[in-house]
C-alpha atoms as a PDB file:
ATOM      1  CA  ALA A   1     -40.599 -51.221 -95.392  1.00  0.00           C
ATOM      2  CA  TYR A   2     -38.835 -52.499 -98.116  1.00  0.00           C
ATOM      3  CA  GLY A   3     -40.508 -53.088-101.518  1.00  0.00           C
ATOM      4  CA  GLN A   4     -42.527 -49.723-100.842  1.00  0.00           C
ATOM      5  CA  VAL A   5     -43.219 -47.049-103.383  1.00  0.00           C
ATOM      6  CA  LEU A   6     -41.914 -43.367-102.258  1.00  0.00           C
ATOM      7  CA  ARG A   7     -44.721 -40.605-103.075  1.00  0.00           C
ATOM      8  CA  MET A   8     -43.112 -37.107-102.406  1.00  0.00           C
ATOM      9  CA  ASP A   9     -45.294 -33.919-102.588  1.00  0.00           C
ATOM     10  CA  THR A  10     -44.266 -31.654-106.027  1.00  0.00           C
ATOM     11  CA  ALA A  11     -44.960 -28.232-106.708  1.00  0.00           C
ATOM     12  CA  TYR A  12     -44.461 -26.626-110.054  1.00  0.00           C
ATOM     13  CA  CYS A  13     -43.520 -22.601-109.012  1.00  0.00           C
ATOM     14  CA  PHE A  14     -41.629 -19.845-109.857  1.00  0.00           C
ATOM     15  CA  ILE A  15     -38.460 -18.789-107.741  1.00  0.00           C
ATOM     16  CA  PRO A  16     -37.154 -15.338-107.875  1.00  0.00           C
ATOM     17  CA  ARG A  17     -33.924 -14.578-109.851  1.00  0.00           C
ATOM     18  CA  TYR A  18     -34.237 -17.967-111.175  1.00  0.00           C
ATOM     19  CA  GLY A  19     -37.215 -18.715-113.266  1.00  0.00           C
ATOM     20  CA  TYR A  20     -39.805 -21.284-112.899  1.00  0.00           C
ATOM     21  CA  ALA A  21     -38.963 -25.229-111.435  1.00  0.00           C
ATOM     22  CA  LEU A  22     -40.566 -28.689-110.715  1.00  0.00           C
ATOM     23  CA  THR A  23     -39.687 -29.061-107.243  1.00  0.00           C
ATOM     24  CA  GLY A  24     -39.973 -31.838-105.113  1.00  0.00           C
ATOM     25  CA  GLY A  25     -40.597 -31.679-100.655  1.00  0.00           C
ATOM     26  CA  GLN A  26     -38.481 -33.851 -98.601  1.00  0.00           C
ATOM     27  CA  SER A  27     -36.825 -33.692 -95.242  1.00  0.00           C
ATOM     28  CA  VAL A  28     -32.674 -34.596 -95.434  1.00  0.00           C
ATOM     29  CA  ASP A  29     -31.479 -35.047 -91.749  1.00  0.00           C
ATOM     30  CA  ASN A  30     -34.944 -33.508 -90.204  1.00  0.00           C
ATOM     31  CA  GLN A  31     -34.062 -30.044 -92.693  1.00  0.00           C
ATOM     32  CA  PRO A  32     -37.597 -29.498 -94.860  1.00  0.00           C
ATOM     33  CA  ILE A  33     -35.700 -28.934 -98.430  1.00  0.00           C
ATOM     34  CA  TRP A  34     -37.731 -28.591-101.545  1.00  0.00           C
ATOM     35  CA  ALA A  35     -35.401 -29.679-104.513  1.00  0.00           C
ATOM     36  CA  GLN A  36     -35.807 -29.145-108.488  1.00  0.00           C
ATOM     37  CA  ILE A  37     -36.716 -32.717-109.942  1.00  0.00           C
ATOM     38  CA  ASP A  38     -34.376 -32.988-113.089  1.00  0.00           C
ATOM     39  CA  THR A  39     -34.378 -35.526-115.702  1.00  0.00           C
ATOM     40  CA  GLY A  40     -31.779 -34.314-117.522  1.00  0.00           C
ATOM     41  CA  ALA A  41     -29.170 -34.423-115.048  1.00  0.00           C
ATOM     42  CA  SER A  42     -28.072 -36.999-112.490  1.00  0.00           C
ATOM     43  CA  ALA A  43     -26.864 -35.192-109.524  1.00  0.00           C
ATOM     44  CA  LEU A  44     -28.398 -35.160-106.303  1.00  0.00           C
ATOM     45  CA  PHE A  45     -27.056 -32.283-104.292  1.00  0.00           C
ATOM     46  CA  PHE A  46     -27.896 -29.212-101.860  1.00  0.00           C
ATOM     47  CA  THR A  47     -27.509 -26.042-101.252  1.00  0.00           C
ATOM     48  CA  TRP A  48     -24.772 -25.534 -98.476  1.00  0.00           C
ATOM     49  CA  LYS A  49     -25.996 -23.449 -95.550  1.00  0.00           C
ATOM     50  CA  GLU A  50     -22.704 -22.322 -94.244  1.00  0.00           C
ATOM     51  CA  TRP A  51     -21.264 -21.870 -98.158  1.00  0.00           C
ATOM     52  CA  TYR A  52     -24.242 -19.838 -98.702  1.00  0.00           C
ATOM     53  CA  ASP A  53     -24.345 -17.263 -95.827  1.00  0.00           C
ATOM     54  CA  ALA A  54     -20.368 -17.065 -96.293  1.00  0.00           C
ATOM     55  CA  VAL A  55     -20.819 -15.942-100.004  1.00  0.00           C
ATOM     56  CA  THR A  56     -23.756 -13.473 -99.457  1.00  0.00           C
ATOM     57  CA  HIS A  57     -24.433 -12.668 -95.563  1.00  0.00           C
ATOM     58  CA  PRO A  58     -24.957 -14.370 -92.184  1.00  0.00           C
ATOM     59  CA  GLY A  59     -28.573 -15.351 -91.827  1.00  0.00           C
ATOM     60  CA  ALA A  60     -29.257 -15.215 -95.837  1.00  0.00           C
ATOM     61  CA  SER A  61     -30.096 -18.833 -96.287  1.00  0.00           C
ATOM     62  CA  SER A  62     -32.893 -18.362 -93.993  1.00  0.00           C
ATOM     63  CA  GLN A  63     -34.419 -16.554 -96.898  1.00  0.00           C
ATOM     64  CA  LEU A  64     -34.113 -19.065-100.098  1.00  0.00           C
ATOM     65  CA  PRO A  65     -37.465 -19.748-101.072  1.00  0.00           C
ATOM     66  CA  ASN A  66     -36.663 -23.780-100.929  1.00  0.00           C
ATOM     67  CA  GLY A  67     -34.178 -24.041 -97.589  1.00  0.00           C
ATOM     68  CA  ALA A  68     -30.649 -24.992 -97.365  1.00  0.00           C
ATOM     69  CA  TYR A  69     -28.954 -28.021 -95.805  1.00  0.00           C
ATOM     70  CA  GLU A  70     -27.099 -27.451 -92.486  1.00  0.00           C
ATOM     71  CA  CYS A  71     -24.397 -28.683 -91.833  1.00  0.00           C
ATOM     72  CA  PRO A  72     -21.501 -26.517 -89.642  1.00  0.00           C
ATOM     73  CA  HIS A  73     -18.622 -29.176 -89.300  1.00  0.00           C
ATOM     74  CA  CYS A  74     -18.887 -31.121 -92.637  1.00  0.00           C
ATOM     75  CA  PRO A  75     -15.570 -31.953 -94.120  1.00  0.00           C
ATOM     76  CA  VAL A  76     -15.366 -30.370 -97.969  1.00  0.00           C
ATOM     77  CA  GLY A  77     -14.138 -33.759 -99.662  1.00  0.00           C
ATOM     78  CA  PRO A  78     -13.329 -34.278-102.862  1.00  0.00           C
ATOM     79  CA  ILE A  79     -14.878 -31.764-105.175  1.00  0.00           C
ATOM     80  CA  THR A  80     -16.662 -32.299-108.074  1.00  0.00           C
ATOM     81  CA  PRO A  81     -18.038 -29.754-110.733  1.00  0.00           C
ATOM     82  CA  VAL A  82     -21.098 -30.445-112.245  1.00  0.00           C
ATOM     83  CA  ILE A  83     -22.179 -28.084-115.381  1.00  0.00           C
ATOM     84  CA  PHE A  84     -25.424 -27.983-116.804  1.00  0.00           C
ATOM     85  CA  SER A  85     -26.834 -27.090-120.022  1.00  0.00           C
ATOM     86  CA  ASP A  86     -26.959 -23.333-119.666  1.00  0.00           C
ATOM     87  CA  GLY A  87     -23.551 -23.083-118.669  1.00  0.00           C
ATOM     88  CA  THR A  88     -24.431 -23.269-114.586  1.00  0.00           C
ATOM     89  CA  THR A  89     -21.600 -24.733-112.801  1.00  0.00           C
ATOM     90  CA  VAL A  90     -21.868 -25.490-109.089  1.00  0.00           C
ATOM     91  CA  HIS A  91     -19.239 -27.597-107.142  1.00  0.00           C
ATOM     92  CA  ILE A  92     -20.308 -30.518-104.988  1.00  0.00           C
ATOM     93  CA  PHE A  93     -18.454 -32.231-102.581  1.00  0.00           C
ATOM     94  CA  PRO A  94     -20.006 -35.638-101.112  1.00  0.00           C
ATOM     95  CA  HIS A  95     -22.072 -36.018 -97.783  1.00  0.00           C
ATOM     96  CA  SER A  96     -24.736 -38.600 -96.585  1.00  0.00           C
ATOM     97  CA  GLY A  97     -27.746 -38.690 -94.729  1.00  0.00           C
ATOM     98  CA  THR A  98     -31.226 -39.749 -93.572  1.00  0.00           C
ATOM     99  CA  PHE A  99     -34.034 -38.562 -96.068  1.00  0.00           C
ATOM    100  CA  GLN A 100     -37.904 -38.578 -95.102  1.00  0.00           C
ATOM    101  CA  ILE A 101     -40.048 -38.403 -97.932  1.00  0.00           C
ATOM    102  CA  GLY A 102     -43.878 -38.827 -97.904  1.00  0.00           C
ATOM    103  CA  GLY A 103     -43.346 -39.900 -94.065  1.00  0.00           C
ATOM    104  CA  LYS A 104     -40.451 -43.162 -94.789  1.00  0.00           C
ATOM    105  CA  ASN A 105     -37.350 -42.902 -93.617  1.00  0.00           C
ATOM    106  CA  VAL A 106     -34.538 -43.369 -95.742  1.00  0.00           C
ATOM    107  CA  ASP A 107     -30.820 -44.015 -94.544  1.00  0.00           C
ATOM    108  CA  GLY A 108     -27.484 -43.821 -95.900  1.00  0.00           C
ATOM    109  CA  ILE A 109     -28.335 -41.659 -98.993  1.00  0.00           C
ATOM    110  CA  THR A 110     -25.143 -40.038-100.337  1.00  0.00           C
ATOM    111  CA  PHE A 111     -25.418 -36.484-101.931  1.00  0.00           C
ATOM    112  CA  GLY A 112     -23.424 -33.822-103.188  1.00  0.00           C
ATOM    113  CA  LEU A 113     -23.118 -30.282-100.874  1.00  0.00           C
ATOM    114  CA  VAL A 114     -22.664 -26.925-103.018  1.00  0.00           C
ATOM    115  CA  SER A 115     -19.517 -25.074-102.018  1.00  0.00           C
ATOM    116  CA  PHE A 116     -19.212 -22.932-105.189  1.00  0.00           C
ATOM    117  CA  GLN A 117     -21.674 -21.490-107.832  1.00  0.00           C
ATOM    118  CA  ASP A 118     -20.999 -20.046-111.386  1.00  0.00           C
ATOM    119  CA  PRO A 119     -22.963 -17.364-112.130  1.00  0.00           C
ATOM    120  CA  PRO A 120     -22.694 -16.245-108.464  1.00  0.00           C
ATOM    121  CA  PRO A 121     -26.097 -16.837-105.765  1.00  0.00           C
ATOM    122  CA  ASP A 122     -26.345 -12.825-106.104  1.00  0.00           C
ATOM    123  CA  VAL A 123     -27.128 -13.488-110.026  1.00  0.00           C
ATOM    124  CA  LEU A 124     -28.862 -16.719-109.948  1.00  0.00           C
ATOM    125  CA  THR A 125     -30.543 -18.033-106.816  1.00  0.00           C
ATOM    126  CA  PRO A 126     -29.333 -21.556-105.909  1.00  0.00           C
ATOM    127  CA  VAL A 127     -31.822 -24.297-106.421  1.00  0.00           C
ATOM    128  CA  HIS A 128     -31.156 -28.043-104.636  1.00  0.00           C
ATOM    129  CA  SER A 129     -31.221 -30.823-107.261  1.00  0.00           C
ATOM    130  CA  ILE A 130     -33.278 -34.432-107.191  1.00  0.00           C
ATOM    131  CA  GLY A 131     -31.273 -35.949-110.277  1.00  0.00           C
ATOM    132  CA  LEU A 132     -33.149 -38.384-112.192  1.00  0.00           C
ATOM    133  CA  GLY A 133     -30.895 -38.905-115.092  1.00  0.00           C
ATOM    134  CA  ARG A 134     -29.185 -41.999-116.588  1.00  0.00           C
ATOM    135  CA  ALA A 135     -25.815 -40.584-117.006  1.00  0.00           C
ATOM    136  CA  VAL A 136     -23.951 -41.151-113.723  1.00  0.00           C
ATOM    137  CA  THR A 137     -22.389 -37.941-112.400  1.00  0.00           C
ATOM    138  CA  PRO A 138     -18.489 -38.974-111.553  1.00  0.00           C
ATOM    139  CA  GLY A 139     -18.302 -40.304-107.752  1.00  0.00           C
ATOM    140  CA  TYR A 140     -21.564 -41.033-106.876  1.00  0.00           C
ATOM    141  CA  HIS A 141     -24.458 -43.567-107.408  1.00  0.00           C
ATOM    142  CA  LEU A 142     -27.834 -42.612-108.941  1.00  0.00           C
ATOM    143  CA  LEU A 143     -30.347 -41.962-106.596  1.00  0.00           C
ATOM    144  CA  MET A 144     -32.405 -44.941-108.080  1.00  0.00           C
ATOM    145  CA  ASP A 145     -29.554 -47.191-107.480  1.00  0.00           C
ATOM    146  CA  GLN A 146     -29.281 -46.058-103.909  1.00  0.00           C
ATOM    147  CA  LEU A 147     -32.926 -46.849-103.093  1.00  0.00           C
ATOM    148  CA  GLN A 148     -32.676 -50.359-104.323  1.00  0.00           C
ATOM    149  CA  GLY A 149     -33.696 -52.921-101.868  1.00  0.00           C
ATOM    150  CA  LYS A 150     -35.845 -50.032-100.299  1.00  0.00           C
ATOM    151  CA  VAL A 151     -38.462 -49.483-102.953  1.00  0.00           C
ATOM    152  CA  ALA A 152     -40.135 -52.186-105.169  1.00  0.00           C
ATOM    153  CA  SER A 153     -38.051 -51.279-108.306  1.00  0.00           C
ATOM    154  CA  THR A 154     -35.706 -48.869-110.055  1.00  0.00           C
ATOM    155  CA  THR A 155     -38.811 -47.223-111.847  1.00  0.00           C
ATOM    156  CA  PHE A 156     -40.153 -43.803-111.084  1.00  0.00           C
ATOM    157  CA  ALA A 157     -43.373 -41.887-112.201  1.00  0.00           C
ATOM    158  CA  LEU A 158     -44.252 -38.365-111.805  1.00  0.00           C
ATOM    159  CA  TYR A 159     -47.557 -36.383-112.397  1.00  0.00           C
ATOM    160  CA  LEU A 160     -48.870 -33.302-111.878  1.00  0.00           C
ATOM    161  CA  LYS A 161     -52.800 -31.955-111.673  1.00  0.00           C
ATOM    162  CA  SER A 162     -54.365 -28.617-111.623  1.00  0.00           C
ATOM    163  CA  VAL A 163     -56.125 -27.295-108.395  1.00  0.00           C
ATOM    164  CA  PRO A 164     -58.209 -24.997-108.534  1.00  0.00           C
ATOM    165  CA  ASP A 165     -57.397 -21.700-106.844  1.00  0.00           C
ATOM    166  CA  ALA A 166     -54.059 -23.240-105.802  1.00  0.00           C
ATOM    167  CA  VAL A 167     -50.927 -20.821-105.919  1.00  0.00           C
ATOM    168  CA  ARG A 168     -48.995 -23.859-106.812  1.00  0.00           C
ATOM    169  CA  THR A 169     -49.371 -26.949-109.678  1.00  0.00           C
ATOM    170  CA  GLN A 170     -49.128 -29.750-107.155  1.00  0.00           C
ATOM    171  CA  GLY A 171     -48.650 -33.095-108.045  1.00  0.00           C
ATOM    172  CA  GLU A 172     -46.110 -36.119-106.851  1.00  0.00           C
ATOM    173  CA  LEU A 173     -42.865 -37.990-107.911  1.00  0.00           C
ATOM    174  CA  LEU A 174     -43.386 -41.735-107.466  1.00  0.00           C
ATOM    175  CA  LEU A 175     -40.265 -43.143-106.606  1.00  0.00           C
ATOM    176  CA  GLY A 176     -40.336 -47.018-106.726  1.00  0.00           C
ATOM    177  CA  GLY A 177     -43.329 -47.790-109.264  1.00  0.00           C
ATOM    178  CA  GLY A 178     -46.706 -46.268-109.893  1.00  0.00           C
ATOM    179  CA  ASP A 179     -50.106 -46.074-108.795  1.00  0.00           C
ATOM    180  CA  PRO A 180     -52.891 -47.444-111.514  1.00  0.00           C
ATOM    181  CA  THR A 181     -55.230 -44.798-109.879  1.00  0.00           C
ATOM    182  CA  LEU A 182     -53.866 -41.664-111.453  1.00  0.00           C
ATOM    183  CA  TYR A 183     -54.323 -43.288-114.882  1.00  0.00           C
ATOM    184  CA  LYS A 184     -56.940 -44.608-117.434  1.00  0.00           C
ATOM    185  CA  ALA A 185     -55.215 -47.964-118.421  1.00  0.00           C
ATOM    186  CA  PRO A 186     -53.643 -48.914-120.643  1.00  0.00           C
ATOM    187  CA  LEU A 187     -50.675 -46.988-120.819  1.00  0.00           C
ATOM    188  CA  THR A 188     -49.081 -46.317-123.939  1.00  0.00           C
ATOM    189  CA  TYR A 189     -44.726 -46.919-123.543  1.00  0.00           C
ATOM    190  CA  ILE A 190     -42.898 -45.000-126.157  1.00  0.00           C
ATOM    191  CA  PRO A 191     -39.488 -46.641-126.460  1.00  0.00           C
ATOM    192  CA  LEU A 192     -36.249 -44.907-125.333  1.00  0.00           C
ATOM    193  CA  LYS A 193     -33.711 -44.022-128.072  1.00  0.00           C
ATOM    194  CA  SER A 194     -30.668 -43.678-126.031  1.00  0.00           C
ATOM    195  CA  GLN A 195     -29.334 -45.231-122.871  1.00  0.00           C
ATOM    196  CA  GLN A 196     -27.737 -42.227-121.289  1.00  0.00           C
ATOM    197  CA  GLU A 197     -30.658 -39.953-121.456  1.00  0.00           C
ATOM    198  CA  TYR A 198     -34.489 -40.246-121.843  1.00  0.00           C
ATOM    199  CA  LEU A 199     -34.509 -39.093-125.600  1.00  0.00           C
ATOM    200  CA  VAL A 200     -37.733 -39.953-127.906  1.00  0.00           C
ATOM    201  CA  THR A 201     -39.106 -39.105-131.252  1.00  0.00           C
ATOM    202  CA  LEU A 202     -41.268 -36.600-131.647  1.00  0.00           C
ATOM    203  CA  GLY A 203     -43.500 -36.951-134.068  1.00  0.00           C
ATOM    204  CA  THR A 204     -46.476 -34.683-133.849  1.00  0.00           C
ATOM    205  CA  LEU A 205     -47.708 -31.780-131.599  1.00  0.00           C
ATOM    206  CA  GLN A 206     -50.251 -30.123-130.191  1.00  0.00           C
ATOM    207  CA  VAL A 207     -51.154 -28.223-127.319  1.00  0.00           C
ATOM    208  CA  GLY A 208     -54.752 -28.480-126.014  1.00  0.00           C
ATOM    209  CA  SER A 209     -56.910 -27.315-129.279  1.00  0.00           C
ATOM    210  CA  GLY A 210     -54.014 -25.449-130.936  1.00  0.00           C
ATOM    211  CA  HIS A 211     -52.346 -25.874-134.134  1.00  0.00           C
ATOM    212  CA  LYS A 212     -51.099 -29.452-134.735  1.00  0.00           C
ATOM    213  CA  SER A 213     -47.912 -29.483-136.490  1.00  0.00           C
ATOM    214  CA  ILE A 214     -47.068 -32.983-138.046  1.00  0.00           C
ATOM    215  CA  GLY A 215     -44.145 -34.912-139.569  1.00  0.00           C
ATOM    216  CA  ILE A 216     -41.452 -33.745-137.370  1.00  0.00           C
ATOM    217  CA  ASN A 217     -40.046 -37.007-136.512  1.00  0.00           C
ATOM    218  CA  GLN A 218     -37.027 -35.799-134.434  1.00  0.00           C
ATOM    219  CA  PRO A 219     -35.160 -36.707-131.410  1.00  0.00           C
ATOM    220  CA  ALA A 220     -36.620 -35.075-128.370  1.00  0.00           C
ATOM    221  CA  ARG A 221     -35.149 -34.843-124.466  1.00  0.00           C
ATOM    222  CA  ILE A 222     -37.786 -34.984-121.615  1.00  0.00           C
ATOM    223  CA  ASP A 223     -36.024 -33.264-119.209  1.00  0.00           C
ATOM    224  CA  THR A 224     -38.095 -31.480-116.428  1.00  0.00           C
ATOM    225  CA  GLY A 225     -35.137 -29.512-115.215  1.00  0.00           C
ATOM    226  CA  THR A 226     -35.593 -27.095-118.053  1.00  0.00           C
ATOM    227  CA  GLN A 227     -38.276 -24.294-119.212  1.00  0.00           C
ATOM    228  CA  GLY A 228     -38.265 -24.579-122.898  1.00  0.00           C
ATOM    229  CA  LEU A 229     -39.701 -26.948-125.960  1.00  0.00           C
END
């Protein structure tokens, strides 16, 4: 259906030899994958099973906690390097497939498959990426742009909730809109300081009932792909 909101389950969890990550679950060509949700980058890519098994050992991809994308006959097309702020580099090549998000199928989504990583996989566990950033990856279209006409709008919403006794902090990524039942109206809208990234002005910071820092008045980037403040 067109004009819908796609609801993706999310989880905040620990990935061995990587760290904590906010991930979203979907199926890509009927292959279950949990990918990091990253508002600080725009690349949409998945770990290519055949590459990972080749650089580790046969069958190693079955031990990856978040899955891998299997495509034994994928032609390796134009390579695009993606470099992250911590220096991690992956090389991706384009492929297209069908996404299943919250029980809804979306055809013809183009994404990258990883054919190289530095640091190598035995040092840093590969993670998939759902990039929701604003700066375009060369040769690729933003996911929200690819969803135009298939979802209600190009906006997205993200929330987490604490579930008693749950191993993971759970929530949802809503692609194409929001859900007014999940918040107390009215929402407070904060202007962005940049067209290229989610940059806001941070004035005051307080976590819970802890110390309140005032007068910060510095730009802060909202980046769900990082683990620090």
